[in-house]
Amino acid sequence: MKFLQIALWILLLVPTWSIAETDGNEFLEMMQHPKGRDATQPFIDDVWARWNNGLFCIPEENIQDATHAVVLEYLETHPEILFRPRRYVIVQALRSGFPCTKGGASQ
């Protein structure tokens, strides 16, 4: 019986954890803050480290400067996707800014 209660509590908490991710609006606000770069770059780094040379192809030099600038510009110019989760908007921004050729190399 105790195991069933614990399992039920875990199932009730899991949806709460998935809702906790910020959306594009909140992420853009964080990026535009004077100290926003330090707060937002780890999220961008996580995305490019997982999917670079797959969903997008980022050149090896100045990755953090390039990715931050591309994501910020994309979010500022695409308000229609800002309701989406943070990770989604970062992926879309990087795909737009760093498309891959058929061979997987950056253009």
N, C-alpha and C. Protein backbone atom coordinates (compact mmCIF):
# COMPACT_ATOMS: atom_id res chain seq x y z
N MET A 1 0.82 -1.19 0.00
CA MET A 1 0.00 0.00 0.00
C MET A 1 0.87 1.26 0.00
N LYS A 2 1.93 1.25 0.81
CA LYS A 2 2.81 2.42 0.88
C LYS A 2 3.50 2.66 -0.47
N PHE A 3 3.90 1.56 -1.14
CA PHE A 3 4.53 1.69 -2.46
C PHE A 3 3.57 2.35 -3.44
N LEU A 4 2.31 1.97 -3.40
CA LEU A 4 1.30 2.54 -4.28
C LEU A 4 1.13 4.04 -4.03
N GLN A 5 1.15 4.46 -2.78
CA GLN A 5 1.04 5.87 -2.44
C GLN A 5 2.24 6.66 -2.97
N ILE A 6 3.43 6.09 -2.81
CA ILE A 6 4.65 6.76 -3.30
C ILE A 6 4.60 6.87 -4.82
N ALA A 7 4.21 5.80 -5.49
CA ALA A 7 4.12 5.81 -6.94
C ALA A 7 3.11 6.86 -7.41
N LEU A 8 1.99 6.97 -6.74
CA LEU A 8 0.98 7.96 -7.09
C LEU A 8 1.52 9.38 -6.93
N TRP A 9 2.23 9.64 -5.86
CA TRP A 9 2.83 10.97 -5.66
C TRP A 9 3.84 11.30 -6.75
N ILE A 10 4.64 10.33 -7.13
CA ILE A 10 5.62 10.56 -8.20
C ILE A 10 4.91 10.88 -9.50
N LEU A 11 3.87 10.14 -9.83
CA LEU A 11 3.12 10.40 -11.05
C LEU A 11 2.46 11.77 -11.05
N LEU A 12 2.04 12.22 -9.89
CA LEU A 12 1.43 13.54 -9.79
C LEU A 12 2.46 14.66 -9.92
N LEU A 13 3.69 14.41 -9.50
CA LEU A 13 4.73 15.43 -9.56
C LEU A 13 5.39 15.54 -10.93
N VAL A 14 5.46 14.48 -11.71
CA VAL A 14 6.14 14.49 -13.00
C VAL A 14 5.59 15.56 -13.93
N PRO A 15 4.26 15.70 -14.11
CA PRO A 15 3.78 16.78 -14.97
C PRO A 15 4.19 18.16 -14.47
N THR A 16 4.29 18.35 -13.19
CA THR A 16 4.72 19.63 -12.63
C THR A 16 6.15 19.94 -13.04
N TRP A 17 7.00 18.94 -13.04
CA TRP A 17 8.40 19.15 -13.45
C TRP A 17 8.49 19.54 -14.91
N SER A 18 7.68 18.95 -15.76
CA SER A 18 7.76 19.26 -17.19
C SER A 18 7.22 20.66 -17.50
N ILE A 19 6.31 21.17 -16.69
CA ILE A 19 5.76 22.50 -16.90
C ILE A 19 6.74 23.57 -16.44
N ALA A 20 7.69 23.22 -15.62
CA ALA A 20 8.59 24.19 -15.01
C ALA A 20 9.55 24.86 -16.00
N GLU A 21 9.72 24.31 -17.20
CA GLU A 21 10.64 24.91 -18.16
C GLU A 21 10.09 26.26 -18.61
N THR A 22 10.96 27.23 -18.70
CA THR A 22 10.55 28.56 -19.15
C THR A 22 10.15 28.51 -20.62
N ASP A 23 9.37 29.49 -21.03
CA ASP A 23 9.01 29.57 -22.44
C ASP A 23 9.88 30.62 -23.13
N GLY A 24 9.65 30.80 -24.42
CA GLY A 24 10.44 31.74 -25.19
C GLY A 24 10.33 33.17 -24.71
N ASN A 25 9.15 33.57 -24.24
CA ASN A 25 8.98 34.93 -23.72
C ASN A 25 9.89 35.18 -22.52
N GLU A 26 9.86 34.25 -21.58
CA GLU A 26 10.69 34.40 -20.38
C GLU A 26 12.18 34.33 -20.74
N PHE A 27 12.51 33.45 -21.68
CA PHE A 27 13.91 33.32 -22.07
C PHE A 27 14.40 34.60 -22.76
N LEU A 28 13.58 35.18 -23.62
CA LEU A 28 13.95 36.44 -24.28
C LEU A 28 14.14 37.54 -23.25
N GLU A 29 13.24 37.63 -22.28
CA GLU A 29 13.39 38.64 -21.23
C GLU A 29 14.70 38.45 -20.48
N MET A 30 15.04 37.19 -20.18
CA MET A 30 16.31 36.91 -19.51
C MET A 30 17.49 37.34 -20.38
N MET A 31 17.42 37.05 -21.68
CA MET A 31 18.52 37.40 -22.58
C MET A 31 18.71 38.91 -22.69
N GLN A 32 17.63 39.65 -22.63
CA GLN A 32 17.70 41.11 -22.78
C GLN A 32 18.12 41.82 -21.50
N HIS A 33 18.14 41.13 -20.40
CA HIS A 33 18.57 41.71 -19.12
C HIS A 33 20.08 41.99 -19.21
N PRO A 34 20.57 43.06 -18.55
CA PRO A 34 22.00 43.38 -18.62
C PRO A 34 22.93 42.21 -18.23
N LYS A 35 22.52 41.38 -17.31
CA LYS A 35 23.35 40.23 -16.93
C LYS A 35 22.78 38.92 -17.49
N GLY A 36 21.95 39.05 -18.49
CA GLY A 36 21.27 37.90 -19.05
C GLY A 36 22.16 36.90 -19.75
N ARG A 37 23.26 37.35 -20.27
CA ARG A 37 24.17 36.44 -20.98
C ARG A 37 24.64 35.32 -20.05
N ASP A 38 25.03 35.67 -18.84
CA ASP A 38 25.51 34.66 -17.89
C ASP A 38 24.40 33.67 -17.51
N ALA A 39 23.17 34.14 -17.46
CA ALA A 39 22.05 33.28 -17.06
C ALA A 39 21.55 32.40 -18.20
N THR A 40 21.63 32.88 -19.43
CA THR A 40 21.04 32.15 -20.55
C THR A 40 22.02 31.30 -21.34
N GLN A 41 23.28 31.64 -21.33
CA GLN A 41 24.25 30.90 -22.15
C GLN A 41 24.32 29.41 -21.80
N PRO A 42 24.23 29.01 -20.54
CA PRO A 42 24.26 27.57 -20.25
C PRO A 42 23.13 26.78 -20.93
N PHE A 43 21.95 27.38 -21.08
CA PHE A 43 20.85 26.71 -21.77
C PHE A 43 21.17 26.55 -23.25
N ILE A 44 21.73 27.60 -23.85
CA ILE A 44 22.10 27.54 -25.26
C ILE A 44 23.22 26.52 -25.46
N ASP A 45 24.21 26.54 -24.56
CA ASP A 45 25.32 25.59 -24.64
C ASP A 45 24.83 24.14 -24.56
N ASP A 46 23.87 23.90 -23.70
CA ASP A 46 23.33 22.54 -23.56
C ASP A 46 22.71 22.07 -24.86
N VAL A 47 21.97 22.94 -25.52
CA VAL A 47 21.32 22.57 -26.78
C VAL A 47 22.35 22.32 -27.87
N TRP A 48 23.30 23.23 -28.05
CA TRP A 48 24.25 23.01 -29.15
C TRP A 48 25.18 21.83 -28.88
N ALA A 49 25.50 21.58 -27.62
CA ALA A 49 26.36 20.44 -27.31
C ALA A 49 25.66 19.11 -27.63
N ARG A 50 24.35 19.07 -27.46
CA ARG A 50 23.60 17.84 -27.72
C ARG A 50 23.35 17.60 -29.21
N TRP A 51 23.06 18.66 -29.96
CA TRP A 51 22.57 18.46 -31.32
C TRP A 51 23.38 19.14 -32.41
N ASN A 52 24.57 19.66 -32.11
CA ASN A 52 25.39 20.25 -33.16
C ASN A 52 25.82 19.15 -34.13
N ASN A 53 25.89 19.51 -35.39
CA ASN A 53 26.22 18.59 -36.49
C ASN A 53 25.15 17.53 -36.68
N GLY A 54 23.95 17.84 -36.25
CA GLY A 54 22.79 16.97 -36.46
C GLY A 54 21.62 17.84 -36.90
N LEU A 55 21.10 18.62 -35.96
CA LEU A 55 20.00 19.54 -36.29
C LEU A 55 20.51 20.85 -36.87
N PHE A 56 21.71 21.20 -36.55
CA PHE A 56 22.35 22.43 -37.04
C PHE A 56 23.84 22.20 -37.02
N CYS A 57 24.59 23.09 -37.70
CA CYS A 57 26.04 22.92 -37.80
C CYS A 57 26.72 24.24 -37.45
N ILE A 58 27.19 24.34 -36.23
CA ILE A 58 27.81 25.57 -35.74
C ILE A 58 29.32 25.48 -35.93
N PRO A 59 29.93 26.51 -36.54
CA PRO A 59 31.39 26.49 -36.69
C PRO A 59 32.09 26.47 -35.34
N GLU A 60 33.27 25.96 -35.30
CA GLU A 60 33.99 25.75 -34.04
C GLU A 60 34.52 27.02 -33.38
N GLU A 61 34.68 28.11 -34.12
CA GLU A 61 35.23 29.30 -33.50
C GLU A 61 34.14 30.21 -32.94
N ASN A 62 34.41 30.77 -31.78
CA ASN A 62 33.50 31.71 -31.10
C ASN A 62 32.07 31.17 -30.98
N ILE A 63 31.95 29.92 -30.58
CA ILE A 63 30.63 29.29 -30.52
C ILE A 63 29.69 30.07 -29.60
N GLN A 64 30.13 30.42 -28.42
CA GLN A 64 29.22 31.08 -27.48
C GLN A 64 28.78 32.45 -27.98
N ASP A 65 29.69 33.24 -28.53
CA ASP A 65 29.30 34.55 -29.06
C ASP A 65 28.32 34.39 -30.21
N ALA A 66 28.63 33.47 -31.11
CA ALA A 66 27.79 33.27 -32.29
C ALA A 66 26.41 32.74 -31.91
N THR A 67 26.35 31.75 -31.05
CA THR A 67 25.06 31.17 -30.70
C THR A 67 24.19 32.16 -29.93
N HIS A 68 24.79 32.89 -29.01
CA HIS A 68 24.00 33.86 -28.24
C HIS A 68 23.40 34.91 -29.16
N ALA A 69 24.19 35.44 -30.08
CA ALA A 69 23.70 36.47 -31.00
C ALA A 69 22.58 35.94 -31.89
N VAL A 70 22.74 34.72 -32.40
CA VAL A 70 21.73 34.14 -33.28
C VAL A 70 20.42 33.89 -32.54
N VAL A 71 20.51 33.35 -31.35
CA VAL A 71 19.29 33.06 -30.58
C VAL A 71 18.58 34.37 -30.21
N LEU A 72 19.31 35.36 -29.76
CA LEU A 72 18.70 36.64 -29.39
C LEU A 72 18.01 37.27 -30.60
N GLU A 73 18.68 37.33 -31.72
CA GLU A 73 18.09 37.93 -32.92
C GLU A 73 16.85 37.15 -33.37
N TYR A 74 16.94 35.84 -33.34
CA TYR A 74 15.80 35.02 -33.77
C TYR A 74 14.58 35.25 -32.87
N LEU A 75 14.78 35.27 -31.58
CA LEU A 75 13.66 35.47 -30.67
C LEU A 75 13.05 36.86 -30.82
N GLU A 76 13.88 37.85 -31.06
CA GLU A 76 13.37 39.21 -31.23
C GLU A 76 12.59 39.37 -32.54
N THR A 77 12.92 38.57 -33.55
CA THR A 77 12.26 38.71 -34.84
C THR A 77 11.17 37.66 -35.11
N HIS A 78 10.97 36.73 -34.18
CA HIS A 78 9.95 35.70 -34.35
C HIS A 78 9.05 35.61 -33.11
N PRO A 79 8.30 36.65 -32.82
CA PRO A 79 7.46 36.63 -31.62
C PRO A 79 6.37 35.56 -31.66
N GLU A 80 6.06 35.05 -32.84
CA GLU A 80 4.99 34.05 -32.95
C GLU A 80 5.33 32.71 -32.31
N ILE A 81 6.61 32.45 -32.01
CA ILE A 81 6.97 31.17 -31.39
C ILE A 81 7.34 31.32 -29.91
N LEU A 82 7.25 32.50 -29.38
CA LEU A 82 7.71 32.73 -28.01
C LEU A 82 6.89 32.02 -26.94
N PHE A 83 5.73 31.52 -27.30
CA PHE A 83 4.93 30.76 -26.33
C PHE A 83 5.46 29.34 -26.17
N ARG A 84 6.33 28.91 -27.06
CA ARG A 84 6.87 27.55 -27.03
C ARG A 84 7.91 27.40 -25.92
N PRO A 85 8.22 26.17 -25.52
CA PRO A 85 9.23 25.94 -24.48
C PRO A 85 10.61 26.46 -24.89
N ARG A 86 11.38 26.82 -23.91
CA ARG A 86 12.72 27.38 -24.10
C ARG A 86 13.58 26.54 -25.04
N ARG A 87 13.66 25.25 -24.80
CA ARG A 87 14.52 24.39 -25.61
C ARG A 87 14.09 24.39 -27.08
N TYR A 88 12.79 24.41 -27.31
CA TYR A 88 12.27 24.43 -28.68
C TYR A 88 12.72 25.70 -29.41
N VAL A 89 12.57 26.86 -28.76
CA VAL A 89 12.93 28.10 -29.45
C VAL A 89 14.43 28.20 -29.68
N ILE A 90 15.23 27.66 -28.78
CA ILE A 90 16.68 27.66 -28.98
C ILE A 90 17.03 26.78 -30.18
N VAL A 91 16.44 25.60 -30.26
CA VAL A 91 16.70 24.72 -31.40
C VAL A 91 16.31 25.40 -32.71
N GLN A 92 15.13 26.00 -32.75
CA GLN A 92 14.68 26.67 -33.97
C GLN A 92 15.62 27.81 -34.37
N ALA A 93 16.08 28.56 -33.39
CA ALA A 93 17.00 29.66 -33.67
C ALA A 93 18.32 29.15 -34.23
N LEU A 94 18.86 28.11 -33.63
CA LEU A 94 20.13 27.57 -34.10
C LEU A 94 19.98 26.90 -35.46
N ARG A 95 18.86 26.26 -35.72
CA ARG A 95 18.62 25.66 -37.04
C ARG A 95 18.55 26.74 -38.10
N SER A 96 17.93 27.86 -37.76
CA SER A 96 17.81 28.96 -38.71
C SER A 96 19.16 29.63 -38.95
N GLY A 97 19.92 29.83 -37.89
CA GLY A 97 21.19 30.55 -38.00
C GLY A 97 22.36 29.72 -38.48
N PHE A 98 22.30 28.40 -38.29
CA PHE A 98 23.41 27.52 -38.64
C PHE A 98 22.91 26.27 -39.36
N PRO A 99 22.34 26.44 -40.56
CA PRO A 99 21.84 25.26 -41.27
C PRO A 99 23.00 24.37 -41.73
N CYS A 100 22.72 23.09 -41.85
CA CYS A 100 23.73 22.13 -42.33
C CYS A 100 23.52 21.86 -43.81
N THR A 101 24.61 21.56 -44.50
CA THR A 101 24.50 21.08 -45.87
C THR A 101 24.21 19.59 -45.80
N LYS A 102 24.00 18.97 -46.93
CA LYS A 102 23.69 17.52 -46.94
C LYS A 102 24.79 16.70 -46.33
N GLY A 103 26.02 17.13 -46.42
CA GLY A 103 27.15 16.39 -45.86
C GLY A 103 27.33 16.60 -44.37
N GLY A 104 26.54 17.51 -43.74
CA GLY A 104 26.64 17.76 -42.32
C GLY A 104 27.56 18.91 -41.95
N ALA A 105 28.28 19.46 -42.93
CA ALA A 105 29.18 20.59 -42.66
C ALA A 105 28.39 21.89 -42.73
N SER A 106 28.87 22.90 -42.06
CA SER A 106 28.16 24.18 -42.10
C SER A 106 28.35 24.85 -43.45
N GLN A 107 27.37 25.65 -43.81
CA GLN A 107 27.43 26.34 -45.08
C GLN A 107 28.31 27.56 -45.00
